[in-house]
Amino acid sequence: MREQLAKLSRGHDLAKAFNYILKRWASFTLFLEDGRVCLSNNAAEPGLRGIALGRKSWLFCGSDRGGRRADSMYSLIVTAK
């Protein structure tokens, strides 16, 4: 990667990607050293899907009281899951 990076201009998209991965190399290769580390975050995504889908709706709860009520309901639903 470093060899190819030297051939690219600094603003090239591939150069940006190479710089990104080289700066985080220890994190990217951690799963090779520790078998408990998952290679992807697929297991976490279903848990976060509800938050991402409801974010826009929860932004407009109507009032502070409505926001507290939505917070309580969301906590109850997540706990029940």
N, C-alpha and C. Protein backbone atom coordinates (compact mmCIF):
# COMPACT_ATOMS: atom_id res chain seq x y z
N MET A 1 0.81 -1.19 0.00
CA MET A 1 0.00 0.00 0.00
C MET A 1 0.86 1.26 0.00
N ARG A 2 1.90 1.24 0.82
CA ARG A 2 2.77 2.42 0.88
C ARG A 2 3.46 2.67 -0.46
N GLU A 3 3.81 1.61 -1.14
CA GLU A 3 4.45 1.74 -2.44
C GLU A 3 3.49 2.38 -3.45
N GLN A 4 2.26 1.91 -3.46
CA GLN A 4 1.25 2.47 -4.36
C GLN A 4 0.87 3.89 -3.97
N LEU A 5 0.85 4.16 -2.66
CA LEU A 5 0.51 5.48 -2.15
C LEU A 5 1.50 6.53 -2.64
N ALA A 6 2.77 6.14 -2.72
CA ALA A 6 3.81 7.07 -3.19
C ALA A 6 3.60 7.47 -4.64
N LYS A 7 2.92 6.65 -5.41
CA LYS A 7 2.69 6.93 -6.83
C LYS A 7 1.46 7.80 -7.07
N LEU A 8 0.61 7.94 -6.07
CA LEU A 8 -0.66 8.67 -6.23
C LEU A 8 -0.54 10.10 -5.73
N SER A 9 -1.38 10.98 -6.28
CA SER A 9 -1.44 12.34 -5.75
C SER A 9 -2.15 12.32 -4.40
N ARG A 10 -1.86 13.30 -3.57
CA ARG A 10 -2.39 13.30 -2.22
C ARG A 10 -3.92 13.39 -2.17
N GLY A 11 -4.52 14.05 -3.14
CA GLY A 11 -5.96 14.22 -3.15
C GLY A 11 -6.74 13.10 -3.81
N HIS A 12 -6.05 12.12 -4.34
CA HIS A 12 -6.70 11.00 -5.03
C HIS A 12 -7.53 10.19 -4.03
N ASP A 13 -8.70 9.73 -4.47
CA ASP A 13 -9.58 8.98 -3.57
C ASP A 13 -8.91 7.72 -3.03
N LEU A 14 -8.16 7.03 -3.88
CA LEU A 14 -7.48 5.83 -3.42
C LEU A 14 -6.39 6.16 -2.40
N ALA A 15 -5.73 7.29 -2.56
CA ALA A 15 -4.72 7.72 -1.59
C ALA A 15 -5.38 8.01 -0.24
N LYS A 16 -6.56 8.61 -0.28
CA LYS A 16 -7.29 8.87 0.97
C LYS A 16 -7.66 7.56 1.67
N ALA A 17 -8.08 6.58 0.88
CA ALA A 17 -8.44 5.27 1.46
C ALA A 17 -7.20 4.59 2.05
N PHE A 18 -6.09 4.64 1.33
CA PHE A 18 -4.85 4.04 1.85
C PHE A 18 -4.42 4.72 3.14
N ASN A 19 -4.47 6.05 3.17
CA ASN A 19 -4.09 6.77 4.39
C ASN A 19 -5.00 6.41 5.55
N TYR A 20 -6.29 6.26 5.27
CA TYR A 20 -7.25 5.89 6.30
C TYR A 20 -6.88 4.55 6.93
N ILE A 21 -6.64 3.55 6.09
CA ILE A 21 -6.36 2.22 6.62
C ILE A 21 -4.98 2.14 7.28
N LEU A 22 -4.01 2.86 6.75
CA LEU A 22 -2.67 2.84 7.34
C LEU A 22 -2.65 3.49 8.72
N LYS A 23 -3.44 4.54 8.91
CA LYS A 23 -3.51 5.19 10.22
C LYS A 23 -4.18 4.29 11.25
N ARG A 24 -5.05 3.41 10.80
CA ARG A 24 -5.81 2.54 11.71
C ARG A 24 -5.41 1.07 11.58
N TRP A 25 -4.19 0.82 11.15
CA TRP A 25 -3.73 -0.53 10.86
C TRP A 25 -3.86 -1.47 12.06
N ALA A 26 -3.49 -1.00 13.24
CA ALA A 26 -3.58 -1.85 14.44
C ALA A 26 -5.03 -2.28 14.69
N SER A 27 -5.97 -1.37 14.50
CA SER A 27 -7.38 -1.70 14.71
C SER A 27 -7.90 -2.66 13.63
N PHE A 28 -7.47 -2.44 12.39
CA PHE A 28 -7.92 -3.31 11.30
C PHE A 28 -7.39 -4.73 11.42
N THR A 29 -6.23 -4.91 12.00
CA THR A 29 -5.63 -6.24 12.09
C THR A 29 -5.80 -6.89 13.46
N LEU A 30 -6.52 -6.25 14.35
CA LEU A 30 -6.72 -6.80 15.69
C LEU A 30 -7.37 -8.18 15.67
N PHE A 31 -8.29 -8.41 14.74
CA PHE A 31 -8.98 -9.70 14.69
C PHE A 31 -8.02 -10.84 14.35
N LEU A 32 -6.88 -10.54 13.76
CA LEU A 32 -5.89 -11.58 13.45
C LEU A 32 -5.18 -12.05 14.71
N GLU A 33 -5.03 -11.16 15.68
CA GLU A 33 -4.33 -11.48 16.93
C GLU A 33 -5.25 -12.05 18.00
N ASP A 34 -6.49 -11.59 18.02
CA ASP A 34 -7.43 -12.00 19.06
C ASP A 34 -8.67 -12.61 18.40
N GLY A 35 -8.86 -13.89 18.58
CA GLY A 35 -9.96 -14.61 17.94
C GLY A 35 -11.33 -14.20 18.43
N ARG A 36 -11.41 -13.49 19.55
CA ARG A 36 -12.71 -13.04 20.07
C ARG A 36 -13.25 -11.83 19.33
N VAL A 37 -12.38 -11.14 18.61
CA VAL A 37 -12.78 -9.93 17.90
C VAL A 37 -13.46 -10.32 16.59
N CYS A 38 -14.65 -9.79 16.38
CA CYS A 38 -15.40 -10.09 15.17
C CYS A 38 -14.88 -9.26 14.00
N LEU A 39 -14.84 -9.88 12.83
CA LEU A 39 -14.33 -9.20 11.64
C LEU A 39 -15.28 -8.10 11.15
N SER A 40 -16.57 -8.24 11.41
CA SER A 40 -17.54 -7.24 10.96
C SER A 40 -18.43 -6.82 12.13
N ASN A 41 -19.25 -5.81 11.88
CA ASN A 41 -20.18 -5.36 12.92
C ASN A 41 -21.61 -5.79 12.61
N ASN A 42 -21.77 -6.84 11.83
CA ASN A 42 -23.11 -7.31 11.43
C ASN A 42 -23.97 -7.69 12.62
N ALA A 43 -23.36 -8.18 13.69
CA ALA A 43 -24.15 -8.57 14.86
C ALA A 43 -24.75 -7.36 15.57
N ALA A 44 -24.08 -6.23 15.51
CA ALA A 44 -24.56 -5.03 16.21
C ALA A 44 -25.58 -4.24 15.39
N GLU A 45 -25.56 -4.37 14.10
CA GLU A 45 -26.42 -3.54 13.26
C GLU A 45 -27.92 -3.72 13.51
N PRO A 46 -28.44 -4.95 13.68
CA PRO A 46 -29.88 -5.06 13.95
C PRO A 46 -30.29 -4.35 15.24
N GLY A 47 -29.41 -4.32 16.23
CA GLY A 47 -29.72 -3.63 17.47
C GLY A 47 -29.80 -2.12 17.31
N LEU A 48 -29.06 -1.59 16.37
CA LEU A 48 -29.05 -0.14 16.16
C LEU A 48 -30.04 0.31 15.09
N ARG A 49 -30.62 -0.62 14.37
CA ARG A 49 -31.53 -0.27 13.27
C ARG A 49 -32.73 0.54 13.76
N GLY A 50 -33.32 0.15 14.87
CA GLY A 50 -34.48 0.87 15.39
C GLY A 50 -34.16 2.30 15.75
N ILE A 51 -32.98 2.53 16.28
CA ILE A 51 -32.57 3.89 16.63
C ILE A 51 -32.43 4.73 15.36
N ALA A 52 -31.78 4.16 14.36
CA ALA A 52 -31.57 4.91 13.12
C ALA A 52 -32.88 5.20 12.41
N LEU A 53 -33.80 4.26 12.40
CA LEU A 53 -35.07 4.46 11.71
C LEU A 53 -35.97 5.45 12.43
N GLY A 54 -35.92 5.45 13.75
CA GLY A 54 -36.81 6.32 14.52
C GLY A 54 -36.24 7.68 14.83
N ARG A 55 -34.99 7.90 14.52
CA ARG A 55 -34.32 9.16 14.89
C ARG A 55 -35.08 10.39 14.40
N LYS A 56 -35.52 10.36 13.16
CA LYS A 56 -36.22 11.52 12.61
C LYS A 56 -37.56 11.73 13.30
N SER A 57 -38.24 10.65 13.63
CA SER A 57 -39.54 10.77 14.30
C SER A 57 -39.37 11.29 15.73
N TRP A 58 -38.34 10.85 16.41
CA TRP A 58 -38.14 11.24 17.80
C TRP A 58 -37.66 12.68 17.93
N LEU A 59 -37.19 13.24 16.85
CA LEU A 59 -36.72 14.61 16.88
C LEU A 59 -37.88 15.56 17.18
N PHE A 60 -39.08 15.20 16.74
CA PHE A 60 -40.23 16.06 16.91
C PHE A 60 -41.26 15.40 17.82
N CYS A 61 -40.97 15.33 19.09
CA CYS A 61 -41.88 14.71 20.06
C CYS A 61 -42.98 15.66 20.48
N GLY A 62 -42.88 16.93 20.12
CA GLY A 62 -43.94 17.89 20.44
C GLY A 62 -43.61 18.77 21.62
N SER A 63 -43.01 18.17 22.66
CA SER A 63 -42.69 18.94 23.86
C SER A 63 -41.67 18.15 24.68
N ASP A 64 -41.20 18.77 25.75
CA ASP A 64 -40.27 18.05 26.63
C ASP A 64 -40.96 16.85 27.27
N ARG A 65 -42.22 17.04 27.64
CA ARG A 65 -42.99 15.94 28.24
C ARG A 65 -43.14 14.79 27.24
N GLY A 66 -43.42 15.13 25.98
CA GLY A 66 -43.53 14.11 24.94
C GLY A 66 -42.20 13.39 24.72
N GLY A 67 -41.11 14.13 24.81
CA GLY A 67 -39.79 13.52 24.67
C GLY A 67 -39.50 12.55 25.80
N ARG A 68 -39.87 12.93 27.03
CA ARG A 68 -39.65 12.02 28.17
C ARG A 68 -40.53 10.77 28.03
N ARG A 69 -41.75 10.95 27.54
CA ARG A 69 -42.65 9.81 27.33
C ARG A 69 -42.10 8.88 26.25
N ALA A 70 -41.61 9.46 25.15
CA ALA A 70 -41.01 8.65 24.08
C ALA A 70 -39.79 7.91 24.59
N ASP A 71 -39.00 8.57 25.42
CA ASP A 71 -37.81 7.93 26.00
C ASP A 71 -38.22 6.73 26.87
N SER A 72 -39.23 6.91 27.67
CA SER A 72 -39.70 5.80 28.52
C SER A 72 -40.22 4.65 27.69
N MET A 73 -41.00 4.96 26.67
CA MET A 73 -41.55 3.91 25.81
C MET A 73 -40.45 3.16 25.06
N TYR A 74 -39.48 3.90 24.56
CA TYR A 74 -38.39 3.26 23.83
C TYR A 74 -37.59 2.34 24.76
N SER A 75 -37.32 2.82 25.99
CA SER A 75 -36.60 1.97 26.94
C SER A 75 -37.38 0.71 27.26
N LEU A 76 -38.68 0.82 27.42
CA LEU A 76 -39.53 -0.34 27.70
C LEU A 76 -39.48 -1.32 26.52
N ILE A 77 -39.60 -0.82 25.31
CA ILE A 77 -39.60 -1.69 24.13
C ILE A 77 -38.27 -2.41 23.98
N VAL A 78 -37.17 -1.68 24.16
CA VAL A 78 -35.84 -2.30 24.02
C VAL A 78 -35.62 -3.34 25.11
N THR A 79 -36.07 -3.05 26.31
CA THR A 79 -35.92 -4.00 27.41
C THR A 79 -36.73 -5.27 27.13
N ALA A 80 -37.92 -5.10 26.57
CA ALA A 80 -38.77 -6.26 26.25
C ALA A 80 -38.16 -7.13 25.14
N LYS A 81 -37.44 -6.48 24.22
CA LYS A 81 -36.82 -7.26 23.14
C LYS A 81 -35.80 -8.20 23.72
